[in-house]
């Protein structure tokens, strides 16, 4: 089993910052990509950003220049630093990881609410 434990969500005013963390544990051999998706009410879940085990990153256009993803391979933890937050960033943010030959796993989600 793979466990993903998220932390760092909350309520912030527009223009503010939040930092999300997600720690992977359990049977995580083959751990490759780690990242974040989000789902706003009435919308489909969408990729926010992910980072490979080698450090390659990918961002949604809507967050480029505002969000930064990073990971600590020794701690099997991925971080998402979110700056210049906008009300449209309001969503449930899900930690995601992809293990080679085993597929994707999801966290339980953490709410991020940005007030205008």
N, C-alpha and C. Protein backbone atom coordinates (compact mmCIF):
# COMPACT_ATOMS: atom_id res chain seq x y z
N UNK A 1 0.82 -1.19 0.00
CA UNK A 1 0.00 0.00 0.00
C UNK A 1 0.86 1.24 0.00
N UNK A 2 0.33 2.28 -0.60
CA UNK A 2 1.00 3.58 -0.66
C UNK A 2 0.14 4.59 0.08
N UNK A 3 0.76 5.32 0.98
CA UNK A 3 0.05 6.38 1.70
C UNK A 3 0.62 7.73 1.29
N UNK A 4 -0.26 8.66 1.02
CA UNK A 4 0.10 10.04 0.71
C UNK A 4 -0.59 10.93 1.73
N UNK A 5 0.20 11.64 2.50
CA UNK A 5 -0.34 12.51 3.55
C UNK A 5 -0.05 13.96 3.18
N UNK A 6 -1.12 14.71 2.98
CA UNK A 6 -1.03 16.10 2.55
C UNK A 6 -1.20 17.04 3.74
N UNK A 7 -0.62 18.21 3.62
CA UNK A 7 -0.81 19.25 4.62
C UNK A 7 -0.57 20.61 3.97
N UNK A 8 -1.08 21.65 4.62
CA UNK A 8 -0.77 23.01 4.20
C UNK A 8 -1.89 23.78 3.55
N UNK A 9 -3.04 23.17 3.33
CA UNK A 9 -4.14 23.92 2.73
C UNK A 9 -4.72 24.92 3.72
N UNK A 10 -5.66 25.74 3.24
CA UNK A 10 -6.29 26.70 4.13
C UNK A 10 -6.93 27.83 3.37
N UNK A 11 -7.22 28.89 4.12
CA UNK A 11 -7.86 30.09 3.58
C UNK A 11 -6.84 31.22 3.54
N UNK A 12 -6.78 31.90 2.40
CA UNK A 12 -5.84 32.99 2.23
C UNK A 12 -6.48 34.06 1.36
N UNK A 13 -6.07 35.29 1.55
CA UNK A 13 -6.56 36.37 0.70
C UNK A 13 -5.85 36.38 -0.65
N UNK A 14 -6.50 36.92 -1.64
CA UNK A 14 -5.89 37.05 -2.96
C UNK A 14 -4.57 37.80 -2.85
N UNK A 15 -3.58 37.28 -3.56
CA UNK A 15 -2.24 37.84 -3.49
C UNK A 15 -1.35 37.18 -2.46
N UNK A 16 -1.94 36.36 -1.61
CA UNK A 16 -1.20 35.69 -0.57
C UNK A 16 -0.52 34.43 -1.05
N UNK A 17 0.07 33.72 -0.08
CA UNK A 17 0.84 32.51 -0.40
C UNK A 17 0.44 31.37 0.53
N UNK A 18 0.60 30.16 0.02
CA UNK A 18 0.45 28.94 0.79
C UNK A 18 1.48 27.94 0.30
N UNK A 19 1.83 27.01 1.18
CA UNK A 19 2.75 25.94 0.80
C UNK A 19 2.11 24.61 1.15
N UNK A 20 1.95 23.76 0.15
CA UNK A 20 1.43 22.42 0.36
C UNK A 20 2.58 21.43 0.44
N UNK A 21 2.38 20.42 1.27
CA UNK A 21 3.35 19.33 1.39
C UNK A 21 2.63 18.01 1.26
N UNK A 22 3.34 17.02 0.74
CA UNK A 22 2.78 15.67 0.62
C UNK A 22 3.91 14.66 0.81
N UNK A 23 3.75 13.83 1.81
CA UNK A 23 4.74 12.80 2.11
C UNK A 23 4.22 11.43 1.70
N UNK A 24 5.03 10.71 0.95
CA UNK A 24 4.68 9.35 0.53
C UNK A 24 5.35 8.34 1.44
N UNK A 25 4.61 7.30 1.77
CA UNK A 25 5.17 6.23 2.61
C UNK A 25 4.51 4.90 2.25
N UNK A 26 5.05 3.85 2.85
CA UNK A 26 4.53 2.51 2.58
C UNK A 26 5.34 1.82 1.50
N UNK A 27 4.67 1.10 0.63
CA UNK A 27 5.34 0.33 -0.42
C UNK A 27 5.58 1.23 -1.63
N UNK A 28 6.63 2.04 -1.57
CA UNK A 28 6.83 3.07 -2.58
C UNK A 28 8.03 2.78 -3.48
N UNK A 29 8.41 1.54 -3.63
CA UNK A 29 9.49 1.23 -4.55
C UNK A 29 9.03 1.57 -5.97
N UNK A 30 9.92 2.09 -6.77
CA UNK A 30 9.56 2.52 -8.12
C UNK A 30 8.98 3.92 -8.17
N UNK A 31 9.07 4.66 -7.04
CA UNK A 31 8.51 6.01 -7.00
C UNK A 31 9.16 6.87 -8.07
N UNK A 32 8.38 7.47 -8.93
CA UNK A 32 8.91 8.31 -10.00
C UNK A 32 8.32 9.70 -9.89
N UNK A 33 7.21 9.96 -10.56
CA UNK A 33 6.63 11.30 -10.55
C UNK A 33 5.87 11.56 -9.26
N UNK A 34 5.95 12.78 -8.79
CA UNK A 34 5.11 13.29 -7.71
C UNK A 34 4.57 14.64 -8.15
N UNK A 35 3.36 14.95 -7.72
CA UNK A 35 2.81 16.22 -8.14
C UNK A 35 1.48 16.53 -7.51
N UNK A 36 0.82 17.51 -8.10
CA UNK A 36 -0.45 18.01 -7.59
C UNK A 36 -1.45 18.21 -8.72
N UNK A 37 -2.68 17.80 -8.44
CA UNK A 37 -3.82 18.10 -9.27
C UNK A 37 -4.79 18.92 -8.41
N UNK A 38 -5.75 19.56 -9.06
CA UNK A 38 -6.78 20.28 -8.32
C UNK A 38 -8.12 20.13 -9.01
N UNK A 39 -9.15 20.27 -8.18
CA UNK A 39 -10.51 20.17 -8.69
C UNK A 39 -11.36 21.23 -8.03
N UNK A 40 -11.87 22.14 -8.85
CA UNK A 40 -12.78 23.17 -8.36
C UNK A 40 -14.21 22.66 -8.51
N UNK A 41 -15.13 23.22 -7.74
CA UNK A 41 -16.53 22.77 -7.82
C UNK A 41 -17.07 22.85 -9.24
N UNK A 42 -17.66 21.76 -9.71
CA UNK A 42 -18.25 21.74 -11.05
C UNK A 42 -17.27 21.62 -12.18
N UNK A 43 -15.99 21.43 -11.86
CA UNK A 43 -14.98 21.32 -12.90
C UNK A 43 -14.25 19.98 -12.81
N UNK A 44 -13.59 19.63 -13.90
CA UNK A 44 -12.80 18.40 -13.91
C UNK A 44 -11.48 18.61 -13.16
N UNK A 45 -10.97 17.50 -12.65
CA UNK A 45 -9.65 17.55 -12.01
C UNK A 45 -8.60 17.88 -13.07
N UNK A 46 -7.69 18.77 -12.72
CA UNK A 46 -6.67 19.20 -13.67
C UNK A 46 -5.28 19.17 -13.04
N UNK A 47 -4.30 18.96 -13.90
CA UNK A 47 -2.92 18.97 -13.44
C UNK A 47 -2.52 20.39 -13.03
N UNK A 48 -1.84 20.49 -11.89
CA UNK A 48 -1.24 21.75 -11.48
C UNK A 48 0.25 21.73 -11.82
N UNK A 49 0.95 20.73 -11.32
CA UNK A 49 2.37 20.60 -11.58
C UNK A 49 2.83 19.21 -11.16
N UNK A 50 3.89 18.72 -11.82
CA UNK A 50 4.52 17.51 -11.33
C UNK A 50 6.02 17.58 -11.53
N UNK A 51 6.71 16.74 -10.80
CA UNK A 51 8.17 16.70 -10.85
C UNK A 51 8.61 15.25 -10.87
N UNK A 52 9.57 14.93 -11.73
CA UNK A 52 10.06 13.57 -11.82
C UNK A 52 11.10 13.31 -10.74
N UNK A 53 11.48 12.06 -10.60
CA UNK A 53 12.50 11.72 -9.62
C UNK A 53 13.84 12.37 -9.97
N UNK A 54 14.02 12.70 -11.25
CA UNK A 54 15.24 13.36 -11.68
C UNK A 54 15.18 14.87 -11.60
N UNK A 55 14.01 15.40 -11.24
CA UNK A 55 13.89 16.85 -11.05
C UNK A 55 13.25 17.61 -12.19
N UNK A 56 12.84 16.93 -13.24
CA UNK A 56 12.17 17.62 -14.34
C UNK A 56 10.76 18.02 -13.91
N UNK A 57 10.38 19.25 -14.25
CA UNK A 57 9.09 19.77 -13.80
C UNK A 57 8.17 20.10 -14.98
N UNK A 58 6.89 20.10 -14.68
CA UNK A 58 5.88 20.48 -15.66
C UNK A 58 4.78 21.23 -14.93
N UNK A 59 4.33 22.35 -15.51
CA UNK A 59 3.33 23.19 -14.88
C UNK A 59 2.16 23.45 -15.81
N UNK A 60 0.99 23.60 -15.24
CA UNK A 60 -0.14 24.12 -16.00
C UNK A 60 0.15 25.57 -16.34
N UNK A 61 -0.32 25.99 -17.52
CA UNK A 61 -0.08 27.38 -17.95
C UNK A 61 -0.63 28.38 -16.94
N UNK A 62 -1.72 28.03 -16.31
CA UNK A 62 -2.40 28.97 -15.41
C UNK A 62 -1.60 29.26 -14.13
N UNK A 63 -0.61 28.42 -13.83
CA UNK A 63 0.15 28.63 -12.58
C UNK A 63 1.61 28.96 -12.83
N UNK A 64 2.04 28.92 -14.07
CA UNK A 64 3.44 29.22 -14.37
C UNK A 64 3.81 30.61 -13.88
N UNK A 65 4.96 30.70 -13.24
CA UNK A 65 5.43 31.97 -12.72
C UNK A 65 4.89 32.31 -11.34
N UNK A 66 3.90 31.56 -10.87
CA UNK A 66 3.34 31.81 -9.53
C UNK A 66 3.57 30.63 -8.58
N UNK A 67 3.52 29.43 -9.11
CA UNK A 67 3.69 28.22 -8.29
C UNK A 67 5.04 27.58 -8.58
N UNK A 68 5.62 26.99 -7.55
CA UNK A 68 6.87 26.26 -7.71
C UNK A 68 6.75 24.90 -7.03
N UNK A 69 7.06 23.86 -7.79
CA UNK A 69 7.03 22.51 -7.24
C UNK A 69 8.46 22.06 -6.97
N UNK A 70 8.63 21.33 -5.87
CA UNK A 70 9.94 20.80 -5.54
C UNK A 70 9.75 19.50 -4.77
N UNK A 71 10.82 18.73 -4.64
CA UNK A 71 10.71 17.48 -3.90
C UNK A 71 12.00 17.19 -3.18
N UNK A 72 11.84 16.45 -2.09
CA UNK A 72 12.96 15.97 -1.31
C UNK A 72 12.94 14.46 -1.43
N UNK A 73 13.82 13.91 -2.25
CA UNK A 73 13.79 12.47 -2.49
C UNK A 73 14.14 11.67 -1.24
N UNK A 74 14.96 12.23 -0.38
CA UNK A 74 15.33 11.52 0.84
C UNK A 74 14.13 11.37 1.77
N UNK A 75 13.19 12.31 1.69
CA UNK A 75 12.00 12.27 2.54
C UNK A 75 10.77 11.81 1.78
N UNK A 76 10.93 11.51 0.49
CA UNK A 76 9.78 11.13 -0.35
C UNK A 76 8.65 12.13 -0.22
N UNK A 77 9.00 13.39 -0.26
CA UNK A 77 8.04 14.47 -0.04
C UNK A 77 8.09 15.45 -1.21
N UNK A 78 6.90 15.90 -1.60
CA UNK A 78 6.79 16.91 -2.64
C UNK A 78 6.12 18.15 -2.04
N UNK A 79 6.57 19.30 -2.52
CA UNK A 79 6.06 20.58 -2.02
C UNK A 79 5.51 21.39 -3.19
N UNK A 80 4.53 22.23 -2.86
CA UNK A 80 4.01 23.17 -3.85
C UNK A 80 3.94 24.53 -3.18
N UNK A 81 4.83 25.42 -3.58
CA UNK A 81 4.80 26.79 -3.09
C UNK A 81 3.91 27.60 -4.01
N UNK A 82 2.86 28.16 -3.45
CA UNK A 82 1.88 28.89 -4.24
C UNK A 82 1.91 30.36 -3.84
N UNK A 83 2.32 31.21 -4.75
CA UNK A 83 2.38 32.65 -4.52
C UNK A 83 1.40 33.38 -5.41
N UNK A 84 1.13 34.61 -5.07
CA UNK A 84 0.22 35.44 -5.87
C UNK A 84 -1.08 34.71 -6.15
N UNK A 85 -1.64 34.14 -5.11
CA UNK A 85 -2.85 33.33 -5.29
C UNK A 85 -4.03 34.18 -5.74
N UNK A 86 -4.87 33.55 -6.56
CA UNK A 86 -6.05 34.20 -7.12
C UNK A 86 -7.29 33.43 -6.69
N UNK A 87 -8.45 34.09 -6.68
CA UNK A 87 -9.68 33.37 -6.32
C UNK A 87 -9.91 32.14 -7.20
N UNK A 88 -9.49 32.20 -8.44
CA UNK A 88 -9.68 31.04 -9.34
C UNK A 88 -8.76 29.87 -9.01
N UNK A 89 -7.85 30.05 -8.08
CA UNK A 89 -7.04 28.93 -7.60
C UNK A 89 -7.77 28.11 -6.53
N UNK A 90 -8.92 28.60 -6.10
CA UNK A 90 -9.70 27.89 -5.10
C UNK A 90 -10.10 26.51 -5.63
N UNK A 91 -9.77 25.48 -4.86
CA UNK A 91 -10.04 24.10 -5.29
C UNK A 91 -9.59 23.15 -4.18
N UNK A 92 -9.95 21.89 -4.36
CA UNK A 92 -9.34 20.84 -3.56
C UNK A 92 -8.08 20.40 -4.30
N UNK A 93 -6.97 20.41 -3.62
CA UNK A 93 -5.69 20.04 -4.22
C UNK A 93 -5.35 18.61 -3.78
N UNK A 94 -5.05 17.78 -4.77
CA UNK A 94 -4.77 16.37 -4.53
C UNK A 94 -3.30 16.07 -4.83
N UNK A 95 -2.66 15.45 -3.89
CA UNK A 95 -1.32 14.93 -4.14
C UNK A 95 -1.43 13.70 -5.02
N UNK A 96 -0.48 13.55 -5.92
CA UNK A 96 -0.49 12.46 -6.91
C UNK A 96 0.93 11.93 -7.02
N UNK A 97 1.02 10.63 -7.16
CA UNK A 97 2.32 10.05 -7.41
C UNK A 97 2.19 8.90 -8.40
N UNK A 98 3.24 8.69 -9.17
CA UNK A 98 3.26 7.61 -10.15
C UNK A 98 4.45 6.73 -9.87
N UNK A 99 4.16 5.45 -9.67
CA UNK A 99 5.22 4.48 -9.40
C UNK A 99 5.44 3.63 -10.65
N UNK A 100 6.68 3.48 -11.05
CA UNK A 100 7.00 2.69 -12.23
C UNK A 100 6.41 1.28 -12.13
N UNK A 101 5.71 0.86 -13.17
CA UNK A 101 5.11 -0.48 -13.30
C UNK A 101 3.94 -0.70 -12.35
N UNK A 102 3.56 0.34 -11.59
CA UNK A 102 2.49 0.14 -10.61
C UNK A 102 1.36 1.14 -10.75
N UNK A 103 1.62 2.27 -11.40
CA UNK A 103 0.56 3.21 -11.65
C UNK A 103 0.48 4.36 -10.67
N UNK A 104 -0.67 5.04 -10.70
CA UNK A 104 -0.86 6.28 -9.95
C UNK A 104 -1.58 6.05 -8.64
N UNK A 105 -1.24 6.89 -7.69
CA UNK A 105 -1.90 6.90 -6.38
C UNK A 105 -2.25 8.35 -6.03
N UNK A 106 -3.32 8.49 -5.22
CA UNK A 106 -3.82 9.81 -4.89
C UNK A 106 -3.90 10.01 -3.39
N UNK A 107 -3.69 11.27 -2.98
CA UNK A 107 -3.95 11.65 -1.60
C UNK A 107 -5.43 11.94 -1.40
N UNK A 108 -5.78 12.28 -0.16
CA UNK A 108 -7.18 12.49 0.17
C UNK A 108 -7.67 13.88 -0.21
N UNK A 109 -6.75 14.78 -0.50
CA UNK A 109 -7.12 16.13 -0.90
C UNK A 109 -7.07 17.12 0.25
N UNK A 110 -6.70 18.35 -0.07
CA UNK A 110 -6.68 19.43 0.91
C UNK A 110 -7.29 20.67 0.27
N UNK A 111 -8.14 21.35 1.02
CA UNK A 111 -8.87 22.50 0.48
C UNK A 111 -7.99 23.75 0.50
N UNK A 112 -7.97 24.44 -0.62
CA UNK A 112 -7.34 25.76 -0.72
C UNK A 112 -8.43 26.74 -1.14
N UNK A 113 -8.63 27.76 -0.33
CA UNK A 113 -9.64 28.76 -0.61
C UNK A 113 -8.98 30.13 -0.64
N UNK A 114 -9.16 30.84 -1.76
CA UNK A 114 -8.58 32.17 -1.92
C UNK A 114 -9.72 33.17 -1.99
N UNK A 115 -9.76 34.07 -1.03
CA UNK A 115 -10.83 35.07 -0.98
C UNK A 115 -10.41 36.34 -1.72
N UNK A 116 -11.39 36.99 -2.32
CA UNK A 116 -11.10 38.21 -3.09
C UNK A 116 -11.16 39.44 -2.22
